[in-house]
Each structure stands twice: as C-alpha cells, then as structure tokens.
Amino acid sequence: ILYGSHSSGDATPSSDVDLLAVRKGRGPILHDARKWRGLYLDVFIYPESKIVPCELMRVRGGKVVVESNGYGARLLKKLERRYARGPERLPHDEIVARRV
C-alpha cells in the first residue's frame, strides 16, 4: 500500500515514498529506509499477525499497489471503518488525571 504524500498527491521532489507491505505468518515488523533509483523509500513490512488497525491510521487514504486475494483493499476499508468510529473513550481515572 502506497500512503503519505505520494498517495495524496502532495509529494515534493524531496518527499520519501511511504509503503506498507504485509506478509503472511508471524515474525517481526521490519522497517527499511533507503535510497533507490533516486527516491527515498520508507517501507514497513508487517506480518499479518501483527496488523492492528488503530496503529496503522497513517495508511488511511493509501492506494493498493500490489495485493493478493484483495487483502490490501480489505485492510484499507477496515481502517476507514475504525476511523469513522472515532477515538476510544478514555477510562474515568485518565480523564481525571488529564484534568489535573
């Protein structure tokens, strides 16, 4: 999934290319940032087992570049549904603490 300024059309010549890739199975979340063919890439590779939609809101509005079995499109729809629900309510003690 391409996201960020290149997805939204706001990229400048110095913008990096933000990508999210999802692989089957388990394992660590990988982060790879490098220059490639004159572009700066910023790639996060998540195993399916570590996908948590509320932690991937930065990908909202992204564009599926390559996918298998519709996974990318489903993930983007899931992110939109989660965003539409709004933030989760804070526990009462946290509300009181923040007021203090």
N, C-alpha and C. Protein backbone atom coordinates (compact mmCIF):
# COMPACT_ATOMS: atom_id res chain seq x y z
N ILE A 1 0.86 -1.17 0.00
CA ILE A 1 0.00 0.00 0.00
C ILE A 1 0.90 1.23 0.00
N LEU A 2 0.70 2.09 -0.97
CA LEU A 2 1.39 3.37 -1.04
C LEU A 2 0.56 4.36 -0.22
N TYR A 3 1.21 5.08 0.68
CA TYR A 3 0.49 6.05 1.50
C TYR A 3 1.35 7.29 1.66
N GLY A 4 0.83 8.29 2.32
CA GLY A 4 1.59 9.52 2.52
C GLY A 4 1.47 10.46 1.33
N SER A 5 2.46 11.31 1.18
CA SER A 5 2.38 12.39 0.19
C SER A 5 2.31 11.89 -1.25
N HIS A 6 2.93 10.78 -1.57
CA HIS A 6 2.85 10.27 -2.94
C HIS A 6 1.46 9.72 -3.24
N SER A 7 0.78 9.22 -2.24
CA SER A 7 -0.57 8.72 -2.42
C SER A 7 -1.58 9.87 -2.52
N SER A 8 -1.37 10.90 -1.72
CA SER A 8 -2.32 12.01 -1.68
C SER A 8 -2.07 13.06 -2.76
N GLY A 9 -0.94 12.96 -3.43
CA GLY A 9 -0.62 13.94 -4.47
C GLY A 9 0.10 15.17 -3.96
N ASP A 10 0.56 15.15 -2.71
CA ASP A 10 1.23 16.29 -2.10
C ASP A 10 2.75 16.16 -2.11
N ALA A 11 3.28 15.20 -2.82
CA ALA A 11 4.73 14.95 -2.78
C ALA A 11 5.51 16.09 -3.43
N THR A 12 6.66 16.35 -2.86
CA THR A 12 7.60 17.31 -3.42
C THR A 12 8.82 16.51 -3.90
N PRO A 13 9.74 17.15 -4.61
CA PRO A 13 10.92 16.40 -5.05
C PRO A 13 11.72 15.76 -3.91
N SER A 14 11.60 16.30 -2.70
CA SER A 14 12.35 15.73 -1.58
C SER A 14 11.53 14.77 -0.72
N SER A 15 10.29 14.50 -1.11
CA SER A 15 9.43 13.59 -0.34
C SER A 15 9.90 12.14 -0.46
N ASP A 16 9.76 11.41 0.64
CA ASP A 16 10.05 9.98 0.57
C ASP A 16 8.81 9.25 0.09
N VAL A 17 9.00 7.99 -0.29
CA VAL A 17 7.90 7.15 -0.74
C VAL A 17 7.58 6.20 0.40
N ASP A 18 6.37 6.34 0.95
CA ASP A 18 5.94 5.53 2.10
C ASP A 18 5.17 4.31 1.60
N LEU A 19 5.61 3.14 2.04
CA LEU A 19 4.96 1.89 1.64
C LEU A 19 4.71 1.00 2.84
N LEU A 20 3.58 0.32 2.83
CA LEU A 20 3.27 -0.70 3.82
C LEU A 20 3.11 -2.01 3.07
N ALA A 21 3.84 -3.01 3.49
CA ALA A 21 3.72 -4.36 2.93
C ALA A 21 3.30 -5.30 4.05
N VAL A 22 2.48 -6.28 3.70
CA VAL A 22 2.01 -7.26 4.68
C VAL A 22 2.37 -8.64 4.14
N ARG A 23 2.97 -9.43 5.03
CA ARG A 23 3.34 -10.79 4.65
C ARG A 23 2.55 -11.78 5.51
N LYS A 24 2.39 -12.96 5.00
CA LYS A 24 1.68 -13.99 5.74
C LYS A 24 2.51 -14.45 6.93
N GLY A 25 1.81 -14.97 7.92
CA GLY A 25 2.50 -15.58 9.03
C GLY A 25 2.87 -14.64 10.15
N ARG A 26 3.91 -15.05 10.86
CA ARG A 26 4.37 -14.34 12.06
C ARG A 26 5.76 -13.79 11.83
N GLY A 27 6.29 -13.16 12.85
CA GLY A 27 7.63 -12.63 12.77
C GLY A 27 7.66 -11.17 13.16
N PRO A 28 8.81 -10.56 13.05
CA PRO A 28 8.95 -9.17 13.47
C PRO A 28 8.40 -8.20 12.43
N ILE A 29 8.12 -7.00 12.89
CA ILE A 29 7.81 -5.90 11.99
C ILE A 29 9.15 -5.37 11.50
N LEU A 30 9.29 -5.26 10.20
CA LEU A 30 10.55 -4.78 9.62
C LEU A 30 10.37 -3.37 9.10
N HIS A 31 11.43 -2.57 9.21
CA HIS A 31 11.42 -1.20 8.70
C HIS A 31 12.67 -1.03 7.85
N ASP A 32 12.49 -0.66 6.60
CA ASP A 32 13.60 -0.49 5.69
C ASP A 32 13.51 0.89 5.06
N ALA A 33 14.51 1.70 5.26
CA ALA A 33 14.58 3.03 4.66
C ALA A 33 15.88 3.11 3.88
N ARG A 34 15.77 3.49 2.60
CA ARG A 34 16.97 3.57 1.76
C ARG A 34 16.68 4.40 0.52
N LYS A 35 17.73 4.78 -0.14
CA LYS A 35 17.60 5.48 -1.41
C LYS A 35 17.62 4.43 -2.52
N TRP A 36 16.67 4.54 -3.45
CA TRP A 36 16.54 3.57 -4.53
C TRP A 36 16.14 4.32 -5.80
N ARG A 37 16.97 4.23 -6.82
CA ARG A 37 16.71 4.89 -8.10
C ARG A 37 16.39 6.37 -7.93
N GLY A 38 17.11 7.02 -7.05
CA GLY A 38 16.93 8.45 -6.82
C GLY A 38 15.79 8.82 -5.89
N LEU A 39 15.07 7.85 -5.37
CA LEU A 39 13.97 8.10 -4.45
C LEU A 39 14.31 7.56 -3.07
N TYR A 40 13.81 8.22 -2.05
CA TYR A 40 13.96 7.71 -0.70
C TYR A 40 12.74 6.86 -0.37
N LEU A 41 12.97 5.60 -0.07
CA LEU A 41 11.90 4.69 0.29
C LEU A 41 11.82 4.54 1.80
N ASP A 42 10.62 4.46 2.32
CA ASP A 42 10.39 4.21 3.74
C ASP A 42 9.34 3.10 3.80
N VAL A 43 9.80 1.88 3.99
CA VAL A 43 8.94 0.70 3.87
C VAL A 43 8.80 0.00 5.22
N PHE A 44 7.56 -0.27 5.59
CA PHE A 44 7.26 -1.07 6.77
C PHE A 44 6.68 -2.38 6.28
N ILE A 45 7.19 -3.49 6.81
CA ILE A 45 6.72 -4.82 6.43
C ILE A 45 6.18 -5.49 7.69
N TYR A 46 4.87 -5.72 7.69
CA TYR A 46 4.19 -6.31 8.84
C TYR A 46 3.79 -7.75 8.54
N PRO A 47 3.95 -8.65 9.50
CA PRO A 47 3.31 -9.95 9.35
C PRO A 47 1.82 -9.76 9.64
N GLU A 48 0.98 -10.55 8.98
CA GLU A 48 -0.47 -10.44 9.20
C GLU A 48 -0.82 -10.51 10.68
N SER A 49 -0.08 -11.30 11.44
CA SER A 49 -0.39 -11.50 12.85
C SER A 49 -0.20 -10.23 13.69
N LYS A 50 0.49 -9.23 13.16
CA LYS A 50 0.74 -8.01 13.94
C LYS A 50 0.01 -6.78 13.40
N ILE A 51 -0.96 -7.01 12.52
CA ILE A 51 -1.74 -5.89 12.00
C ILE A 51 -2.76 -5.47 13.05
N VAL A 52 -2.65 -4.24 13.52
CA VAL A 52 -3.59 -3.65 14.47
C VAL A 52 -4.09 -2.35 13.83
N PRO A 53 -5.33 -2.35 13.30
CA PRO A 53 -5.79 -1.20 12.53
C PRO A 53 -5.61 0.15 13.21
N CYS A 54 -5.89 0.26 14.50
CA CYS A 54 -5.79 1.58 15.14
C CYS A 54 -4.34 2.09 15.19
N GLU A 55 -3.38 1.21 14.99
CA GLU A 55 -1.98 1.63 14.97
C GLU A 55 -1.49 1.96 13.56
N LEU A 56 -2.35 1.76 12.56
CA LEU A 56 -1.95 1.99 11.18
C LEU A 56 -2.75 3.11 10.52
N MET A 57 -3.27 4.03 11.31
CA MET A 57 -4.09 5.10 10.75
C MET A 57 -3.32 5.95 9.73
N ARG A 58 -2.00 5.96 9.82
CA ARG A 58 -1.20 6.75 8.86
C ARG A 58 -1.37 6.23 7.43
N VAL A 59 -1.84 5.00 7.29
CA VAL A 59 -2.00 4.38 5.98
C VAL A 59 -3.35 4.73 5.35
N ARG A 60 -4.28 5.28 6.16
CA ARG A 60 -5.60 5.67 5.65
C ARG A 60 -5.45 6.53 4.40
N GLY A 61 -6.29 6.27 3.42
CA GLY A 61 -6.23 7.04 2.19
C GLY A 61 -5.17 6.54 1.22
N GLY A 62 -4.50 5.47 1.61
CA GLY A 62 -3.46 4.91 0.75
C GLY A 62 -4.04 4.24 -0.48
N LYS A 63 -3.15 3.81 -1.35
CA LYS A 63 -3.55 3.16 -2.59
C LYS A 63 -2.86 1.80 -2.67
N VAL A 64 -3.65 0.80 -2.98
CA VAL A 64 -3.10 -0.54 -3.13
C VAL A 64 -2.29 -0.58 -4.43
N VAL A 65 -1.05 -1.00 -4.31
CA VAL A 65 -0.17 -1.11 -5.48
C VAL A 65 -0.15 -2.55 -5.97
N VAL A 66 0.03 -3.47 -5.05
CA VAL A 66 0.03 -4.91 -5.35
C VAL A 66 -0.68 -5.60 -4.20
N GLU A 67 -1.52 -6.59 -4.52
CA GLU A 67 -2.18 -7.32 -3.45
C GLU A 67 -2.47 -8.74 -3.86
N SER A 68 -2.77 -9.53 -2.86
CA SER A 68 -3.13 -10.93 -3.07
C SER A 68 -4.48 -11.16 -2.43
N ASN A 69 -5.42 -11.67 -3.17
CA ASN A 69 -6.75 -12.02 -2.65
C ASN A 69 -7.50 -10.84 -2.05
N GLY A 70 -7.25 -9.63 -2.51
CA GLY A 70 -7.98 -8.47 -2.03
C GLY A 70 -7.60 -8.00 -0.64
N TYR A 71 -6.48 -8.49 -0.10
CA TYR A 71 -6.10 -8.18 1.28
C TYR A 71 -5.91 -6.67 1.49
N GLY A 72 -5.21 -6.01 0.60
CA GLY A 72 -4.93 -4.58 0.77
C GLY A 72 -6.19 -3.75 0.77
N ALA A 73 -7.10 -4.03 -0.15
CA ALA A 73 -8.37 -3.29 -0.20
C ALA A 73 -9.18 -3.51 1.07
N ARG A 74 -9.20 -4.75 1.56
CA ARG A 74 -9.93 -5.03 2.80
C ARG A 74 -9.31 -4.30 3.98
N LEU A 75 -7.98 -4.26 4.03
CA LEU A 75 -7.31 -3.56 5.12
C LEU A 75 -7.65 -2.06 5.09
N LEU A 76 -7.62 -1.45 3.93
CA LEU A 76 -7.96 -0.03 3.83
C LEU A 76 -9.41 0.23 4.25
N LYS A 77 -10.32 -0.65 3.88
CA LYS A 77 -11.72 -0.50 4.30
C LYS A 77 -11.85 -0.63 5.82
N LYS A 78 -11.11 -1.57 6.39
CA LYS A 78 -11.13 -1.75 7.83
C LYS A 78 -10.62 -0.49 8.54
N LEU A 79 -9.57 0.12 8.00
CA LEU A 79 -9.04 1.35 8.58
C LEU A 79 -10.08 2.48 8.51
N GLU A 80 -10.79 2.58 7.40
CA GLU A 80 -11.82 3.61 7.26
C GLU A 80 -12.95 3.41 8.26
N ARG A 81 -13.37 2.15 8.44
CA ARG A 81 -14.43 1.88 9.43
C ARG A 81 -13.97 2.22 10.84
N ARG A 82 -12.73 1.86 11.17
CA ARG A 82 -12.20 2.16 12.50
C ARG A 82 -12.09 3.66 12.72
N TYR A 83 -11.66 4.39 11.71
CA TYR A 83 -11.54 5.85 11.80
C TYR A 83 -12.91 6.50 12.00
N ALA A 84 -13.91 6.00 11.29
CA ALA A 84 -15.26 6.55 11.38
C ALA A 84 -15.85 6.41 12.78
N ARG A 85 -15.42 5.38 13.53
CA ARG A 85 -15.91 5.19 14.90
C ARG A 85 -15.37 6.25 15.85
N GLY A 86 -14.28 6.88 15.50
CA GLY A 86 -13.68 7.89 16.36
C GLY A 86 -12.80 7.25 17.42
N PRO A 87 -12.18 8.11 18.24
CA PRO A 87 -11.27 7.57 19.26
C PRO A 87 -12.03 6.82 20.35
N GLU A 88 -11.34 5.86 20.95
CA GLU A 88 -11.94 5.12 22.05
C GLU A 88 -11.99 6.02 23.28
N ARG A 89 -13.01 5.85 24.06
CA ARG A 89 -13.20 6.66 25.26
C ARG A 89 -12.11 6.33 26.29
N LEU A 90 -11.59 7.38 26.90
CA LEU A 90 -10.59 7.19 27.94
C LEU A 90 -11.25 6.70 29.22
N PRO A 91 -10.56 5.90 30.01
CA PRO A 91 -11.09 5.49 31.32
C PRO A 91 -11.26 6.73 32.21
N HIS A 92 -12.20 6.66 33.13
CA HIS A 92 -12.52 7.79 34.00
C HIS A 92 -11.29 8.32 34.74
N ASP A 93 -10.45 7.42 35.29
CA ASP A 93 -9.29 7.88 36.03
C ASP A 93 -8.30 8.64 35.12
N GLU A 94 -8.23 8.28 33.86
CA GLU A 94 -7.34 9.00 32.93
C GLU A 94 -7.90 10.39 32.63
N ILE A 95 -9.20 10.50 32.49
CA ILE A 95 -9.83 11.80 32.27
C ILE A 95 -9.55 12.72 33.45
N VAL A 96 -9.71 12.19 34.67
CA VAL A 96 -9.45 12.98 35.88
C VAL A 96 -7.97 13.39 35.93
N ALA A 97 -7.07 12.47 35.65
CA ALA A 97 -5.64 12.77 35.67
C ALA A 97 -5.28 13.87 34.67
N ARG A 98 -5.85 13.82 33.51
CA ARG A 98 -5.54 14.83 32.49
C ARG A 98 -6.09 16.20 32.87
N ARG A 99 -7.22 16.22 33.56
CA ARG A 99 -7.76 17.50 34.02
C ARG A 99 -6.86 18.15 35.06
N VAL A 100 -6.24 17.31 35.90
CA VAL A 100 -5.36 17.80 36.94
C VAL A 100 -4.12 18.39 36.28
